[in-house]
Amino acid sequence: MSFEIVRCEQTLVAGLPVRSPLRAIGQARDRALERAWHAVLKDQLGGPLASAYTDHAVEIGSYYTQTVGYRCESLDQVTEGHFVACVPAGTYAKFSSLGNFPEVVSNLWEQVREAEDTGAIDRSFVGDFELYPNAFRIDLYVSVIDSNEGGGS
């Protein structure tokens, strides 16, 4: 498990949302998610590929909304018909993984679980996001409680 703690500005991810109550974050197969990616990749994208995890329902398990699409700097870059997820500025644990799909995804979320289980991070669940620099790498930013700020990010 290797990660770094970073400060991120607000991040906008535009695309198509998928509410995922049936699987834990990091599980690779989800037909609705696959359909959303397929649909969004047909459109003109306003920025580099990305996805955002918002609206976590921590108290009942794995419910969250994943917006799949692209990172944008402003609403002017959003393709008509796409939803915009806003991940707030704050403190994040940045995890990276190289490899082939779906193992690259599973590896990332296993790193997050290990960091949580060992107490290395305390997730805040205000929003997480993934950036895809290339076809074999994912950078995952998981919102964490910053102990230096005395409460939350």
N, C-alpha and C. Protein backbone atom coordinates (compact mmCIF):
# COMPACT_ATOMS: atom_id res chain seq x y z
N MET A 1 0.85 -1.18 0.00
CA MET A 1 0.00 0.00 0.00
C MET A 1 0.89 1.24 0.00
N SER A 2 0.71 2.06 -1.00
CA SER A 2 1.46 3.29 -1.10
C SER A 2 0.51 4.40 -1.51
N PHE A 3 0.55 5.51 -0.77
CA PHE A 3 -0.30 6.65 -1.09
C PHE A 3 0.36 7.89 -0.55
N GLU A 4 -0.13 9.04 -1.02
CA GLU A 4 0.33 10.30 -0.47
C GLU A 4 -0.87 11.15 -0.12
N ILE A 5 -0.71 11.99 0.89
CA ILE A 5 -1.77 12.91 1.28
C ILE A 5 -1.56 14.21 0.52
N VAL A 6 -2.63 14.64 -0.17
CA VAL A 6 -2.55 15.85 -1.00
C VAL A 6 -3.75 16.75 -0.71
N ARG A 7 -3.59 17.99 -1.04
CA ARG A 7 -4.68 18.97 -0.96
C ARG A 7 -5.17 19.20 -2.38
N CYS A 8 -6.48 19.03 -2.62
CA CYS A 8 -7.05 19.21 -3.96
C CYS A 8 -8.05 20.35 -3.94
N GLU A 9 -8.10 21.06 -5.03
CA GLU A 9 -9.13 22.07 -5.24
C GLU A 9 -10.42 21.36 -5.65
N GLN A 10 -11.51 22.09 -5.70
CA GLN A 10 -12.77 21.53 -6.17
C GLN A 10 -12.55 20.87 -7.53
N THR A 11 -13.13 19.70 -7.70
CA THR A 11 -12.99 18.95 -8.95
C THR A 11 -14.38 18.72 -9.54
N LEU A 12 -14.54 19.06 -10.82
CA LEU A 12 -15.79 18.83 -11.53
C LEU A 12 -15.61 17.65 -12.48
N VAL A 13 -16.54 16.72 -12.42
CA VAL A 13 -16.55 15.59 -13.35
C VAL A 13 -17.92 15.57 -14.01
N ALA A 14 -17.93 15.65 -15.34
CA ALA A 14 -19.17 15.63 -16.09
C ALA A 14 -19.30 14.29 -16.81
N GLY A 15 -20.53 13.87 -17.00
CA GLY A 15 -20.77 12.60 -17.69
C GLY A 15 -22.12 12.05 -17.32
N LEU A 16 -22.18 10.74 -17.16
CA LEU A 16 -23.43 10.06 -16.85
C LEU A 16 -23.36 9.43 -15.47
N PRO A 17 -24.38 9.65 -14.63
CA PRO A 17 -24.38 9.11 -13.28
C PRO A 17 -24.96 7.69 -13.22
N VAL A 18 -24.41 6.89 -12.32
CA VAL A 18 -24.92 5.55 -12.05
C VAL A 18 -25.02 5.41 -10.54
N ARG A 19 -26.22 5.16 -10.03
CA ARG A 19 -26.39 4.91 -8.61
C ARG A 19 -26.11 3.44 -8.39
N SER A 20 -25.21 3.13 -7.48
CA SER A 20 -24.72 1.77 -7.34
C SER A 20 -25.01 1.17 -5.97
N PRO A 21 -26.23 0.70 -5.77
CA PRO A 21 -26.53 0.08 -4.48
C PRO A 21 -26.20 -1.40 -4.40
N LEU A 22 -25.85 -2.03 -5.52
CA LEU A 22 -25.74 -3.48 -5.54
C LEU A 22 -24.33 -4.03 -5.44
N ARG A 23 -23.34 -3.15 -5.38
CA ARG A 23 -21.97 -3.65 -5.33
C ARG A 23 -21.13 -2.73 -4.47
N ALA A 24 -20.10 -3.28 -3.91
CA ALA A 24 -19.17 -2.48 -3.13
C ALA A 24 -18.29 -1.69 -4.08
N ILE A 25 -17.83 -0.52 -3.65
CA ILE A 25 -16.91 0.26 -4.47
C ILE A 25 -15.69 -0.59 -4.78
N GLY A 26 -15.27 -0.55 -6.02
CA GLY A 26 -14.09 -1.29 -6.43
C GLY A 26 -14.39 -2.63 -7.05
N GLN A 27 -15.62 -3.12 -6.94
CA GLN A 27 -15.97 -4.36 -7.61
C GLN A 27 -16.08 -4.06 -9.10
N ALA A 28 -15.51 -4.88 -9.94
CA ALA A 28 -15.31 -4.51 -11.33
C ALA A 28 -16.56 -4.56 -12.21
N ARG A 29 -17.40 -5.57 -12.11
CA ARG A 29 -18.51 -5.74 -13.06
C ARG A 29 -19.78 -5.06 -12.57
N ASP A 30 -20.30 -4.19 -13.41
CA ASP A 30 -21.58 -3.52 -13.15
C ASP A 30 -22.13 -3.14 -14.52
N ARG A 31 -23.19 -3.82 -14.95
CA ARG A 31 -23.74 -3.61 -16.30
C ARG A 31 -24.18 -2.16 -16.51
N ALA A 32 -24.81 -1.54 -15.51
CA ALA A 32 -25.24 -0.14 -15.65
C ALA A 32 -24.03 0.77 -15.84
N LEU A 33 -22.98 0.50 -15.10
CA LEU A 33 -21.76 1.29 -15.22
C LEU A 33 -21.12 1.10 -16.61
N GLU A 34 -21.09 -0.13 -17.07
CA GLU A 34 -20.55 -0.40 -18.41
C GLU A 34 -21.35 0.33 -19.49
N ARG A 35 -22.69 0.33 -19.37
CA ARG A 35 -23.54 1.04 -20.35
C ARG A 35 -23.26 2.54 -20.31
N ALA A 36 -23.09 3.09 -19.11
CA ALA A 36 -22.82 4.52 -18.98
C ALA A 36 -21.49 4.88 -19.64
N TRP A 37 -20.45 4.09 -19.38
CA TRP A 37 -19.15 4.35 -20.01
C TRP A 37 -19.27 4.27 -21.54
N HIS A 38 -19.95 3.26 -22.01
CA HIS A 38 -20.12 3.08 -23.46
C HIS A 38 -20.82 4.30 -24.06
N ALA A 39 -21.87 4.77 -23.42
CA ALA A 39 -22.62 5.92 -23.93
C ALA A 39 -21.79 7.20 -23.88
N VAL A 40 -21.09 7.44 -22.79
CA VAL A 40 -20.35 8.69 -22.65
C VAL A 40 -19.15 8.73 -23.61
N LEU A 41 -18.56 7.59 -23.89
CA LEU A 41 -17.41 7.56 -24.79
C LEU A 41 -17.79 7.82 -26.25
N LYS A 42 -19.08 7.74 -26.55
CA LYS A 42 -19.56 8.06 -27.90
C LYS A 42 -19.69 9.57 -28.09
N ASP A 43 -19.79 10.32 -26.98
CA ASP A 43 -20.00 11.76 -27.03
C ASP A 43 -18.69 12.51 -27.15
N GLN A 44 -18.81 13.79 -27.50
CA GLN A 44 -17.64 14.67 -27.48
C GLN A 44 -17.40 15.03 -26.02
N LEU A 45 -16.18 14.82 -25.56
CA LEU A 45 -15.87 15.04 -24.15
C LEU A 45 -15.17 16.38 -23.97
N GLY A 46 -15.50 17.04 -22.86
CA GLY A 46 -14.95 18.36 -22.59
C GLY A 46 -13.66 18.35 -21.81
N GLY A 47 -13.04 17.18 -21.63
CA GLY A 47 -11.79 17.10 -20.88
C GLY A 47 -11.32 15.66 -20.80
N PRO A 48 -10.25 15.42 -20.02
CA PRO A 48 -9.69 14.06 -19.89
C PRO A 48 -10.62 13.14 -19.10
N LEU A 49 -10.56 11.86 -19.39
CA LEU A 49 -11.41 10.86 -18.74
C LEU A 49 -11.24 10.90 -17.22
N ALA A 50 -12.39 10.76 -16.54
CA ALA A 50 -12.41 10.78 -15.08
C ALA A 50 -13.72 10.18 -14.60
N SER A 51 -13.81 9.91 -13.32
CA SER A 51 -15.08 9.55 -12.70
C SER A 51 -15.08 10.08 -11.28
N ALA A 52 -16.29 10.30 -10.75
CA ALA A 52 -16.44 10.84 -9.40
C ALA A 52 -17.39 9.95 -8.62
N TYR A 53 -17.11 9.81 -7.33
CA TYR A 53 -17.97 9.06 -6.41
C TYR A 53 -18.54 10.07 -5.42
N THR A 54 -19.85 10.25 -5.43
CA THR A 54 -20.50 11.22 -4.55
C THR A 54 -21.73 10.59 -3.91
N ASP A 55 -22.35 11.35 -3.04
CA ASP A 55 -23.61 10.93 -2.40
C ASP A 55 -23.47 9.59 -1.69
N HIS A 56 -22.37 9.40 -0.99
CA HIS A 56 -22.16 8.15 -0.24
C HIS A 56 -23.22 8.02 0.85
N ALA A 57 -23.71 6.82 1.01
CA ALA A 57 -24.62 6.50 2.11
C ALA A 57 -23.89 5.51 3.02
N VAL A 58 -22.93 6.02 3.75
CA VAL A 58 -22.03 5.20 4.55
C VAL A 58 -22.79 4.34 5.56
N GLU A 59 -23.84 4.91 6.14
CA GLU A 59 -24.56 4.21 7.19
C GLU A 59 -25.25 2.94 6.72
N ILE A 60 -25.48 2.80 5.41
CA ILE A 60 -26.13 1.58 4.92
C ILE A 60 -25.24 0.79 3.97
N GLY A 61 -23.99 1.10 3.94
CA GLY A 61 -23.07 0.28 3.16
C GLY A 61 -22.56 0.97 1.91
N SER A 62 -22.75 0.32 0.77
CA SER A 62 -22.04 0.73 -0.43
C SER A 62 -22.83 1.63 -1.38
N TYR A 63 -23.90 2.23 -0.94
CA TYR A 63 -24.64 3.12 -1.84
C TYR A 63 -23.84 4.38 -2.13
N TYR A 64 -23.76 4.76 -3.40
CA TYR A 64 -23.08 5.97 -3.83
C TYR A 64 -23.46 6.21 -5.28
N THR A 65 -23.18 7.41 -5.76
CA THR A 65 -23.38 7.71 -7.18
C THR A 65 -22.00 7.84 -7.81
N GLN A 66 -21.81 7.13 -8.91
CA GLN A 66 -20.56 7.25 -9.67
C GLN A 66 -20.90 7.95 -10.98
N THR A 67 -20.26 9.10 -11.20
CA THR A 67 -20.42 9.82 -12.46
C THR A 67 -19.22 9.47 -13.32
N VAL A 68 -19.48 8.88 -14.48
CA VAL A 68 -18.40 8.47 -15.38
C VAL A 68 -18.36 9.43 -16.56
N GLY A 69 -17.16 9.90 -16.87
CA GLY A 69 -17.04 10.83 -17.97
C GLY A 69 -15.68 11.47 -18.05
N TYR A 70 -15.63 12.78 -17.71
CA TYR A 70 -14.43 13.55 -17.94
C TYR A 70 -14.35 14.70 -16.94
N ARG A 71 -13.12 15.07 -16.66
CA ARG A 71 -12.86 16.20 -15.77
C ARG A 71 -13.01 17.48 -16.57
N CYS A 72 -13.66 18.48 -15.99
CA CYS A 72 -13.78 19.76 -16.67
C CYS A 72 -13.46 20.88 -15.68
N GLU A 73 -13.05 22.00 -16.22
CA GLU A 73 -12.67 23.15 -15.40
C GLU A 73 -13.86 24.08 -15.17
N SER A 74 -14.85 24.05 -16.09
CA SER A 74 -16.01 24.93 -15.96
C SER A 74 -17.22 24.28 -16.61
N LEU A 75 -18.38 24.83 -16.34
CA LEU A 75 -19.61 24.30 -16.92
C LEU A 75 -19.67 24.51 -18.43
N ASP A 76 -18.88 25.44 -18.95
CA ASP A 76 -18.82 25.67 -20.39
C ASP A 76 -18.28 24.46 -21.15
N GLN A 77 -17.56 23.59 -20.48
CA GLN A 77 -16.96 22.42 -21.12
C GLN A 77 -17.87 21.19 -21.09
N VAL A 78 -19.04 21.31 -20.49
CA VAL A 78 -19.93 20.17 -20.31
C VAL A 78 -20.75 19.92 -21.57
N THR A 79 -20.71 18.70 -22.05
CA THR A 79 -21.50 18.28 -23.20
C THR A 79 -22.97 18.28 -22.82
N GLU A 80 -23.80 18.78 -23.72
CA GLU A 80 -25.24 18.84 -23.46
C GLU A 80 -25.78 17.47 -23.07
N GLY A 81 -26.59 17.45 -22.03
CA GLY A 81 -27.18 16.21 -21.55
C GLY A 81 -26.37 15.49 -20.48
N HIS A 82 -25.18 15.99 -20.18
CA HIS A 82 -24.36 15.35 -19.15
C HIS A 82 -24.60 15.97 -17.78
N PHE A 83 -24.50 15.17 -16.78
CA PHE A 83 -24.63 15.51 -15.38
C PHE A 83 -23.26 16.00 -14.90
N VAL A 84 -23.24 16.90 -13.91
CA VAL A 84 -21.96 17.37 -13.35
C VAL A 84 -21.91 17.02 -11.86
N ALA A 85 -20.87 16.31 -11.48
CA ALA A 85 -20.61 16.01 -10.08
C ALA A 85 -19.52 16.96 -9.59
N CYS A 86 -19.74 17.51 -8.41
CA CYS A 86 -18.77 18.43 -7.82
C CYS A 86 -18.17 17.78 -6.59
N VAL A 87 -16.88 17.53 -6.65
CA VAL A 87 -16.16 16.97 -5.51
C VAL A 87 -15.46 18.16 -4.83
N PRO A 88 -15.75 18.40 -3.56
CA PRO A 88 -15.24 19.61 -2.92
C PRO A 88 -13.73 19.63 -2.70
N ALA A 89 -13.21 20.84 -2.55
CA ALA A 89 -11.80 21.00 -2.19
C ALA A 89 -11.59 20.35 -0.83
N GLY A 90 -10.40 19.82 -0.61
CA GLY A 90 -10.12 19.22 0.68
C GLY A 90 -8.86 18.38 0.66
N THR A 91 -8.75 17.55 1.68
CA THR A 91 -7.59 16.68 1.84
C THR A 91 -7.94 15.30 1.30
N TYR A 92 -7.03 14.75 0.51
CA TYR A 92 -7.27 13.47 -0.16
C TYR A 92 -6.05 12.57 -0.02
N ALA A 93 -6.31 11.27 0.07
CA ALA A 93 -5.25 10.28 -0.05
C ALA A 93 -5.22 9.87 -1.51
N LYS A 94 -4.06 10.03 -2.15
CA LYS A 94 -3.91 9.71 -3.57
C LYS A 94 -3.26 8.34 -3.71
N PHE A 95 -4.00 7.42 -4.34
CA PHE A 95 -3.52 6.09 -4.64
C PHE A 95 -3.36 5.97 -6.15
N SER A 96 -2.38 5.22 -6.60
CA SER A 96 -2.18 5.00 -8.03
C SER A 96 -1.99 3.52 -8.29
N SER A 97 -2.44 3.09 -9.47
CA SER A 97 -2.30 1.70 -9.85
C SER A 97 -2.05 1.61 -11.35
N LEU A 98 -1.18 0.70 -11.72
CA LEU A 98 -0.87 0.42 -13.12
C LEU A 98 -1.29 -1.01 -13.42
N GLY A 99 -1.80 -1.24 -14.61
CA GLY A 99 -2.16 -2.60 -15.00
C GLY A 99 -3.29 -2.61 -15.99
N ASN A 100 -3.87 -3.78 -16.14
CA ASN A 100 -4.98 -3.99 -17.07
C ASN A 100 -6.30 -4.04 -16.30
N PHE A 101 -7.35 -3.61 -16.99
CA PHE A 101 -8.69 -3.68 -16.42
C PHE A 101 -9.13 -5.13 -16.40
N PRO A 102 -9.79 -5.63 -15.38
CA PRO A 102 -10.30 -4.94 -14.20
C PRO A 102 -9.37 -4.97 -13.00
N GLU A 103 -8.22 -5.65 -13.12
CA GLU A 103 -7.32 -5.78 -11.98
C GLU A 103 -6.82 -4.43 -11.48
N VAL A 104 -6.61 -3.48 -12.38
CA VAL A 104 -6.11 -2.16 -11.98
C VAL A 104 -7.09 -1.49 -11.01
N VAL A 105 -8.38 -1.68 -11.23
CA VAL A 105 -9.41 -1.11 -10.36
C VAL A 105 -9.44 -1.85 -9.02
N SER A 106 -9.46 -3.16 -9.08
CA SER A 106 -9.49 -3.96 -7.85
C SER A 106 -8.28 -3.66 -6.97
N ASN A 107 -7.11 -3.52 -7.60
CA ASN A 107 -5.89 -3.22 -6.86
C ASN A 107 -6.01 -1.90 -6.11
N LEU A 108 -6.55 -0.89 -6.77
CA LEU A 108 -6.70 0.42 -6.12
C LEU A 108 -7.57 0.34 -4.88
N TRP A 109 -8.75 -0.25 -5.04
CA TRP A 109 -9.68 -0.28 -3.91
C TRP A 109 -9.20 -1.21 -2.81
N GLU A 110 -8.40 -2.21 -3.13
CA GLU A 110 -7.78 -3.04 -2.10
C GLU A 110 -6.78 -2.21 -1.28
N GLN A 111 -6.03 -1.34 -1.96
CA GLN A 111 -5.11 -0.44 -1.26
C GLN A 111 -5.88 0.48 -0.30
N VAL A 112 -7.03 0.98 -0.74
CA VAL A 112 -7.85 1.86 0.10
C VAL A 112 -8.33 1.08 1.33
N ARG A 113 -8.87 -0.12 1.11
CA ARG A 113 -9.35 -0.93 2.24
C ARG A 113 -8.23 -1.21 3.24
N GLU A 114 -7.03 -1.53 2.73
CA GLU A 114 -5.90 -1.81 3.61
C GLU A 114 -5.53 -0.56 4.42
N ALA A 115 -5.52 0.60 3.76
CA ALA A 115 -5.19 1.85 4.45
C ALA A 115 -6.23 2.15 5.53
N GLU A 116 -7.49 1.87 5.24
CA GLU A 116 -8.54 2.06 6.26
C GLU A 116 -8.38 1.08 7.41
N ASP A 117 -8.19 -0.19 7.07
CA ASP A 117 -8.10 -1.25 8.09
C ASP A 117 -6.92 -1.04 9.04
N THR A 118 -5.82 -0.49 8.53
CA THR A 118 -4.65 -0.27 9.37
C THR A 118 -4.67 1.07 10.09
N GLY A 119 -5.70 1.88 9.80
CA GLY A 119 -5.80 3.20 10.44
C GLY A 119 -4.92 4.26 9.80
N ALA A 120 -4.36 3.94 8.63
CA ALA A 120 -3.49 4.91 7.94
C ALA A 120 -4.30 6.09 7.40
N ILE A 121 -5.58 5.86 7.07
CA ILE A 121 -6.46 6.94 6.64
C ILE A 121 -7.80 6.81 7.35
N ASP A 122 -8.47 7.95 7.48
CA ASP A 122 -9.83 8.00 8.02
C ASP A 122 -10.66 8.71 6.96
N ARG A 123 -11.45 7.94 6.22
CA ARG A 123 -12.21 8.51 5.11
C ARG A 123 -13.30 9.46 5.60
N SER A 124 -13.51 10.54 4.84
CA SER A 124 -14.55 11.51 5.19
C SER A 124 -15.81 11.32 4.36
N PHE A 125 -15.72 10.62 3.24
CA PHE A 125 -16.85 10.31 2.37
C PHE A 125 -17.56 11.54 1.82
N VAL A 126 -16.84 12.65 1.63
CA VAL A 126 -17.46 13.82 1.01
C VAL A 126 -17.40 13.74 -0.51
N GLY A 127 -16.60 12.84 -1.03
CA GLY A 127 -16.47 12.65 -2.47
C GLY A 127 -15.09 12.14 -2.80
N ASP A 128 -15.02 11.26 -3.77
CA ASP A 128 -13.76 10.71 -4.26
C ASP A 128 -13.76 10.85 -5.77
N PHE A 129 -12.59 10.79 -6.39
CA PHE A 129 -12.56 10.84 -7.85
C PHE A 129 -11.37 10.07 -8.39
N GLU A 130 -11.52 9.61 -9.65
CA GLU A 130 -10.48 8.89 -10.35
C GLU A 130 -10.11 9.67 -11.61
N LEU A 131 -8.82 9.73 -11.90
CA LEU A 131 -8.32 10.30 -13.14
C LEU A 131 -7.60 9.18 -13.88
N TYR A 132 -7.69 9.21 -15.21
CA TYR A 132 -7.12 8.16 -16.05
C TYR A 132 -6.08 8.77 -16.99
N PRO A 133 -4.82 8.89 -16.53
CA PRO A 133 -3.79 9.50 -17.36
C PRO A 133 -3.52 8.73 -18.66
N ASN A 134 -3.73 7.40 -18.64
CA ASN A 134 -3.59 6.59 -19.84
C ASN A 134 -4.39 5.30 -19.64
N ALA A 135 -4.37 4.42 -20.62
CA ALA A 135 -5.20 3.22 -20.60
C ALA A 135 -4.80 2.21 -19.52
N PHE A 136 -3.63 2.40 -18.90
CA PHE A 136 -3.14 1.41 -17.95
C PHE A 136 -2.95 1.97 -16.54
N ARG A 137 -3.31 3.22 -16.32
CA ARG A 137 -3.07 3.84 -15.01
C ARG A 137 -4.34 4.54 -14.52
N ILE A 138 -4.57 4.40 -13.22
CA ILE A 138 -5.65 5.13 -12.55
C ILE A 138 -5.05 5.81 -11.33
N ASP A 139 -5.36 7.09 -11.17
CA ASP A 139 -5.03 7.83 -9.95
C ASP A 139 -6.35 8.05 -9.22
N LEU A 140 -6.44 7.54 -8.00
CA LEU A 140 -7.65 7.61 -7.20
C LEU A 140 -7.41 8.56 -6.03
N TYR A 141 -8.30 9.51 -5.87
CA TYR A 141 -8.24 10.49 -4.79
C TYR A 141 -9.41 10.22 -3.84
N VAL A 142 -9.10 9.79 -2.62
CA VAL A 142 -10.10 9.43 -1.62
C VAL A 142 -10.11 10.52 -0.55
N SER A 143 -11.27 11.12 -0.32
CA SER A 143 -11.37 12.19 0.67
C SER A 143 -11.13 11.62 2.07
N VAL A 144 -10.29 12.32 2.82
CA VAL A 144 -9.93 11.88 4.16
C VAL A 144 -10.07 13.03 5.16
N ILE A 145 -10.23 12.65 6.40
CA ILE A 145 -10.27 13.65 7.47
C ILE A 145 -8.86 14.10 7.74
N ASP A 146 -8.64 15.39 7.69
CA ASP A 146 -7.32 15.96 7.95
C ASP A 146 -7.22 16.29 9.43
N SER A 147 -6.42 15.52 10.15
CA SER A 147 -6.28 15.72 11.59
C SER A 147 -5.71 17.09 11.93
N ASN A 148 -5.03 17.72 10.97
CA ASN A 148 -4.47 19.06 11.21
C ASN A 148 -5.53 20.15 11.15
N GLU A 149 -6.71 19.82 10.57
CA GLU A 149 -7.77 20.81 10.47
C GLU A 149 -8.81 20.62 11.56
N GLY A 150 -8.66 19.58 12.37
CA GLY A 150 -9.53 19.38 13.51
C GLY A 150 -10.94 18.97 13.18
N GLY A 151 -11.14 18.09 12.20
CA GLY A 151 -12.48 17.61 11.98
C GLY A 151 -12.73 17.03 10.62
N GLY A 152 -12.74 17.81 9.61
CA GLY A 152 -13.11 17.27 8.30
C GLY A 152 -12.46 18.06 7.20
N SER A 153 -12.60 17.50 6.02
CA SER A 153 -12.07 18.21 4.85
C SER A 153 -13.17 18.83 4.07
